[in-house]
Amino acid sequence: MPGLIKEATVRIHSLMFGPYKVERVHELFFESLRDLELALASPDGQQAGQLLQSMTRGKLTLLIAEHKEDDIENIRRYQKNIEDPERVEDPVKTEEEGKE
């Protein structure tokens, strides 16, 4: 599909919580929502949609999501701030200070 940056497929081996039985997650990564919309409207995007419908016998759910990540050190700083509100640490400032 035009504008596609990368793909990822995950096979789910167990469900920890929730009402939905999920077997696989297939992610398509695009630079922007507009790029995604153009790709889905393209002939290749239409063909991919038909293929997915056929492969899953119509049992698929499509979601659009913004993908964000964080590194573990930033998460730990955030947790420390919650545990000790008197010792508030600005993760952004700390990170910038570390670059100097």
C-alpha atoms as a PDB file:
ATOM      1  CA  MET A   1       0.000   0.000   0.000  1.00  0.00           C
ATOM      2  CA  PRO A   2       1.297   3.456  -0.730  1.00  0.00           C
ATOM      3  CA  GLY A   3       2.766   5.253   2.289  1.00  0.00           C
ATOM      4  CA  LEU A   4       3.166   2.075   4.344  1.00  0.00           C
ATOM      5  CA  ILE A   5       6.261   2.364   6.555  1.00  0.00           C
ATOM      6  CA  LYS A   6       6.235  -1.080   8.224  1.00  0.00           C
ATOM      7  CA  GLU A   7       4.006  -3.950   9.318  1.00  0.00           C
ATOM      8  CA  ALA A   8       3.944  -6.093  12.445  1.00  0.00           C
ATOM      9  CA  THR A   9       1.949  -9.224  13.256  1.00  0.00           C
ATOM     10  CA  VAL A  10       1.411 -10.620  16.739  1.00  0.00           C
ATOM     11  CA  ARG A  11      -0.141 -13.974  17.630  1.00  0.00           C
ATOM     12  CA  ILE A  12      -1.980 -13.756  20.940  1.00  0.00           C
ATOM     13  CA  HIS A  13      -1.311 -16.760  23.185  1.00  0.00           C
ATOM     14  CA  SER A  14      -3.538 -15.829  26.131  1.00  0.00           C
ATOM     15  CA  LEU A  15      -6.109 -13.289  27.238  1.00  0.00           C
ATOM     16  CA  MET A  16      -5.419 -11.648  30.587  1.00  0.00           C
ATOM     17  CA  PHE A  17      -8.615  -9.601  30.834  1.00  0.00           C
ATOM     18  CA  GLY A  18     -11.484  -8.417  28.683  1.00  0.00           C
ATOM     19  CA  PRO A  19     -14.491  -9.622  26.768  1.00  0.00           C
ATOM     20  CA  TYR A  20     -12.892 -10.023  23.321  1.00  0.00           C
ATOM     21  CA  LYS A  21     -11.294 -13.192  22.035  1.00  0.00           C
ATOM     22  CA  VAL A  22      -8.344 -11.919  20.027  1.00  0.00           C
ATOM     23  CA  GLU A  23      -6.127 -14.285  18.060  1.00  0.00           C
ATOM     24  CA  ARG A  24      -3.902 -11.894  16.120  1.00  0.00           C
ATOM     25  CA  VAL A  25      -3.041  -8.239  15.895  1.00  0.00           C
ATOM     26  CA  HIS A  26      -1.704  -6.943  12.603  1.00  0.00           C
ATOM     27  CA  GLU A  27      -0.359  -3.411  12.650  1.00  0.00           C
ATOM     28  CA  LEU A  28       0.207  -1.162   9.670  1.00  0.00           C
ATOM     29  CA  PHE A  29       2.382   1.875  10.334  1.00  0.00           C
ATOM     30  CA  PHE A  30       1.964   5.156   8.458  1.00  0.00           C
ATOM     31  CA  GLU A  31       3.507   8.580   8.938  1.00  0.00           C
ATOM     32  CA  SER A  32       0.113  10.244   9.388  1.00  0.00           C
ATOM     33  CA  LEU A  33      -3.619   9.617   9.485  1.00  0.00           C
ATOM     34  CA  ARG A  34      -3.874  11.229   6.047  1.00  0.00           C
ATOM     35  CA  ASP A  35      -1.330   8.730   4.650  1.00  0.00           C
ATOM     36  CA  LEU A  36      -3.408   5.888   6.116  1.00  0.00           C
ATOM     37  CA  GLU A  37      -6.601   7.250   4.568  1.00  0.00           C
ATOM     38  CA  LEU A  38      -4.939   7.577   1.148  1.00  0.00           C
ATOM     39  CA  ALA A  39      -3.558   4.040   1.409  1.00  0.00           C
ATOM     40  CA  LEU A  40      -6.939   2.533   2.332  1.00  0.00           C
ATOM     41  CA  ALA A  41      -8.596   4.340  -0.568  1.00  0.00           C
ATOM     42  CA  SER A  42      -5.956   3.151  -3.060  1.00  0.00           C
ATOM     43  CA  PRO A  43      -6.479   0.078  -5.270  1.00  0.00           C
ATOM     44  CA  ASP A  44      -3.874  -1.807  -3.184  1.00  0.00           C
ATOM     45  CA  GLY A  45      -5.661  -0.788   0.022  1.00  0.00           C
ATOM     46  CA  GLN A  46      -9.024  -1.934  -1.327  1.00  0.00           C
ATOM     47  CA  GLN A  47      -7.495  -5.248  -2.401  1.00  0.00           C
ATOM     48  CA  ALA A  48      -5.887  -5.703   1.049  1.00  0.00           C
ATOM     49  CA  GLY A  49      -9.259  -5.069   2.713  1.00  0.00           C
ATOM     50  CA  GLN A  50     -10.945  -7.685   0.533  1.00  0.00           C
ATOM     51  CA  LEU A  51      -8.177 -10.166   1.302  1.00  0.00           C
ATOM     52  CA  LEU A  52      -8.524  -9.588   5.055  1.00  0.00           C
ATOM     53  CA  GLN A  53     -12.297 -10.056   4.858  1.00  0.00           C
ATOM     54  CA  SER A  54     -11.790 -13.298   2.934  1.00  0.00           C
ATOM     55  CA  MET A  55      -9.045 -14.646   5.237  1.00  0.00           C
ATOM     56  CA  THR A  56     -11.053 -13.950   8.401  1.00  0.00           C
ATOM     57  CA  ARG A  57     -14.466 -14.823   6.954  1.00  0.00           C
ATOM     58  CA  GLY A  58     -15.569 -11.316   7.893  1.00  0.00           C
ATOM     59  CA  LYS A  59     -14.561 -11.727  11.551  1.00  0.00           C
ATOM     60  CA  LEU A  60     -12.163  -8.854  11.872  1.00  0.00           C
ATOM     61  CA  THR A  61     -12.084  -5.564  13.684  1.00  0.00           C
ATOM     62  CA  LEU A  62     -10.173  -2.614  12.295  1.00  0.00           C
ATOM     63  CA  LEU A  63      -8.888   0.017  14.691  1.00  0.00           C
ATOM     64  CA  ILE A  64      -7.044   3.251  14.073  1.00  0.00           C
ATOM     65  CA  ALA A  65      -4.654   4.172  16.862  1.00  0.00           C
ATOM     66  CA  GLU A  66      -1.812   6.519  17.595  1.00  0.00           C
ATOM     67  CA  HIS A  67       1.223   4.495  18.611  1.00  0.00           C
ATOM     68  CA  LYS A  68       3.347   5.878  21.466  1.00  0.00           C
ATOM     69  CA  GLU A  69       6.248   4.424  23.384  1.00  0.00           C
ATOM     70  CA  ASP A  70       8.177   5.351  26.502  1.00  0.00           C
ATOM     71  CA  ASP A  71      11.477   4.113  27.871  1.00  0.00           C
ATOM     72  CA  ILE A  72      11.605   2.313  31.206  1.00  0.00           C
ATOM     73  CA  GLU A  73      13.737   4.965  32.939  1.00  0.00           C
ATOM     74  CA  ASN A  74      11.111   7.640  32.257  1.00  0.00           C
ATOM     75  CA  ILE A  75       8.386   5.330  33.588  1.00  0.00           C
ATOM     76  CA  ARG A  76      10.399   4.693  36.759  1.00  0.00           C
ATOM     77  CA  ARG A  77      10.870   8.452  37.311  1.00  0.00           C
ATOM     78  CA  TYR A  78       7.112   8.906  36.928  1.00  0.00           C
ATOM     79  CA  GLN A  79       6.428   6.121  39.445  1.00  0.00           C
ATOM     80  CA  LYS A  80       8.821   7.721  41.956  1.00  0.00           C
ATOM     81  CA  ASN A  81       6.979  11.041  41.591  1.00  0.00           C
ATOM     82  CA  ILE A  82       3.684   9.320  42.405  1.00  0.00           C
ATOM     83  CA  GLU A  83       5.141   7.450  45.387  1.00  0.00           C
ATOM     84  CA  ASP A  84       6.840  10.580  46.798  1.00  0.00           C
ATOM     85  CA  PRO A  85       4.946  13.735  45.704  1.00  0.00           C
ATOM     86  CA  GLU A  86       7.354  15.923  47.731  1.00  0.00           C
ATOM     87  CA  ARG A  87      10.167  14.830  45.428  1.00  0.00           C
ATOM     88  CA  VAL A  88       8.643  15.906  42.108  1.00  0.00           C
ATOM     89  CA  GLU A  89      11.068  15.408  39.265  1.00  0.00           C
ATOM     90  CA  ASP A  90      10.417  16.825  35.806  1.00  0.00           C
ATOM     91  CA  PRO A  91      11.240  13.924  33.409  1.00  0.00           C
ATOM     92  CA  VAL A  92      11.674  16.253  30.436  1.00  0.00           C
ATOM     93  CA  LYS A  93      14.003  18.631  32.293  1.00  0.00           C
ATOM     94  CA  THR A  94      15.984  15.721  33.745  1.00  0.00           C
ATOM     95  CA  GLU A  95      16.386  14.191  30.309  1.00  0.00           C
ATOM     96  CA  GLU A  96      17.574  17.500  28.828  1.00  0.00           C
ATOM     97  CA  GLU A  97      20.044  18.006  31.691  1.00  0.00           C
ATOM     98  CA  GLY A  98      21.449  14.542  31.006  1.00  0.00           C
ATOM     99  CA  LYS A  99      22.201  15.531  27.395  1.00  0.00           C
ATOM    100  CA  GLU A 100      24.412  18.467  28.403  1.00  0.00           C
END
